[in-house]
Amino acid sequence: MAKSNMTPEEQKVYDEFTDMFQTKGWKKYIERVDNMREQILKSAPFKIETEFQAGEMRGSINAFDATLTLQATIENMVNEEVPDQGEE
């Protein structure tokens, strides 16, 4: 359930994300992403030879982290206290 101050479009998007997060496919995808992230972290010290490679590795980890925290990010955005127009 979302907050009442959402527009109908925002509510629709929120509901679509919520539905997706409950699927077996999403849960399997998150497991796979988490495993890939862990593999990179374990192998990174042995594979990084240049600053460029370190940057690539960091970018991959950041992308994995964004995916792994997507559900929490969406939930936090919805649960943030947004003042009504009349409040300051």
Protein backbone atom coordinates (compact mmCIF):
# COMPACT_ATOMS: atom_id res chain seq x y z
CA MET A 1 0.00 0.00 0.00
CA ALA A 2 1.32 3.40 -0.89
CA LYS A 3 0.81 6.86 0.52
CA SER A 4 -2.27 8.83 -0.39
CA ASN A 5 -0.20 11.75 -1.70
CA MET A 6 0.89 9.73 -4.73
CA THR A 7 -0.47 10.57 -8.12
CA PRO A 8 -2.34 7.78 -9.91
CA GLU A 9 0.67 7.29 -12.20
CA GLU A 10 3.09 7.07 -9.25
CA GLN A 11 0.75 4.59 -7.54
CA LYS A 12 0.66 2.46 -10.71
CA VAL A 13 4.46 2.38 -10.94
CA TYR A 14 4.77 1.58 -7.24
CA ASP A 15 2.25 -1.27 -7.58
CA GLU A 16 4.11 -2.65 -10.60
CA PHE A 17 7.41 -2.66 -8.70
CA THR A 18 5.75 -4.24 -5.67
CA ASP A 19 4.28 -6.99 -7.86
CA MET A 20 7.65 -7.60 -9.51
CA PHE A 21 9.48 -7.86 -6.17
CA GLN A 22 7.16 -10.71 -5.15
CA THR A 23 7.87 -12.93 -8.17
CA LYS A 24 10.10 -15.98 -8.14
CA GLY A 25 11.90 -14.58 -11.17
CA TRP A 26 12.91 -11.41 -9.31
CA LYS A 27 14.11 -13.39 -6.31
CA LYS A 28 16.19 -15.68 -8.56
CA TYR A 29 17.58 -12.65 -10.39
CA ILE A 30 18.61 -11.02 -7.10
CA GLU A 31 20.34 -14.25 -6.02
CA ARG A 32 22.24 -14.35 -9.30
CA VAL A 33 23.26 -10.68 -9.10
CA ASP A 34 24.42 -11.16 -5.51
CA ASN A 35 26.51 -14.19 -6.54
CA MET A 36 28.09 -12.27 -9.43
CA ARG A 37 28.89 -9.37 -7.10
CA GLU A 38 30.54 -11.71 -4.61
CA GLN A 39 32.59 -13.37 -7.36
CA ILE A 40 33.88 -10.01 -8.53
CA LEU A 41 34.78 -8.98 -4.98
CA LYS A 42 36.65 -12.23 -4.38
CA SER A 43 38.56 -12.11 -7.66
CA ALA A 44 39.20 -8.36 -7.85
CA PRO A 45 42.48 -8.29 -5.92
CA PHE A 46 43.94 -10.81 -8.37
CA LYS A 47 42.62 -9.30 -11.60
CA ILE A 48 43.14 -5.56 -11.22
CA GLU A 49 46.33 -4.45 -12.92
CA THR A 50 45.47 -0.91 -13.96
CA GLU A 51 43.53 2.04 -12.64
CA PHE A 52 41.13 1.63 -15.54
CA GLN A 53 40.36 -1.96 -14.52
CA ALA A 54 39.80 -0.81 -10.96
CA GLY A 55 37.28 1.73 -12.23
CA GLU A 56 35.51 -0.87 -14.32
CA MET A 57 35.32 -3.19 -11.33
CA ARG A 58 33.97 -0.41 -9.13
CA GLY A 59 31.36 0.46 -11.75
CA SER A 60 30.22 -3.16 -11.88
CA ILE A 61 29.92 -3.33 -8.10
CA ASN A 62 27.94 -0.05 -8.07
CA ALA A 63 25.54 -1.42 -10.70
CA PHE A 64 25.07 -4.64 -8.75
CA ASP A 65 24.50 -2.69 -5.53
CA ALA A 66 21.86 -0.51 -7.21
CA THR A 67 20.02 -3.63 -8.34
CA LEU A 68 20.35 -5.36 -4.97
CA THR A 69 18.96 -2.34 -3.12
CA LEU A 70 16.22 -1.42 -5.61
CA GLN A 71 13.41 -2.83 -3.49
CA ALA A 72 14.57 -1.03 -0.35
CA THR A 73 15.10 2.18 -2.34
CA ILE A 74 11.54 2.11 -3.71
CA GLU A 75 10.09 1.34 -0.28
CA ASN A 76 12.13 4.10 1.38
CA MET A 77 11.05 6.65 -1.22
CA VAL A 78 7.42 5.82 -0.59
CA ASN A 79 7.80 5.84 3.19
CA GLU A 80 9.57 9.20 3.32
CA GLU A 81 7.55 11.84 5.06
CA VAL A 82 6.44 14.25 2.37
CA PRO A 83 4.74 17.31 3.85
CA ASP A 84 1.35 18.26 2.48
CA GLN A 85 1.19 21.46 0.44
CA GLY A 86 -0.09 23.44 3.46
CA GLU A 87 2.70 22.27 5.82
CA GLU A 88 6.12 23.85 6.08
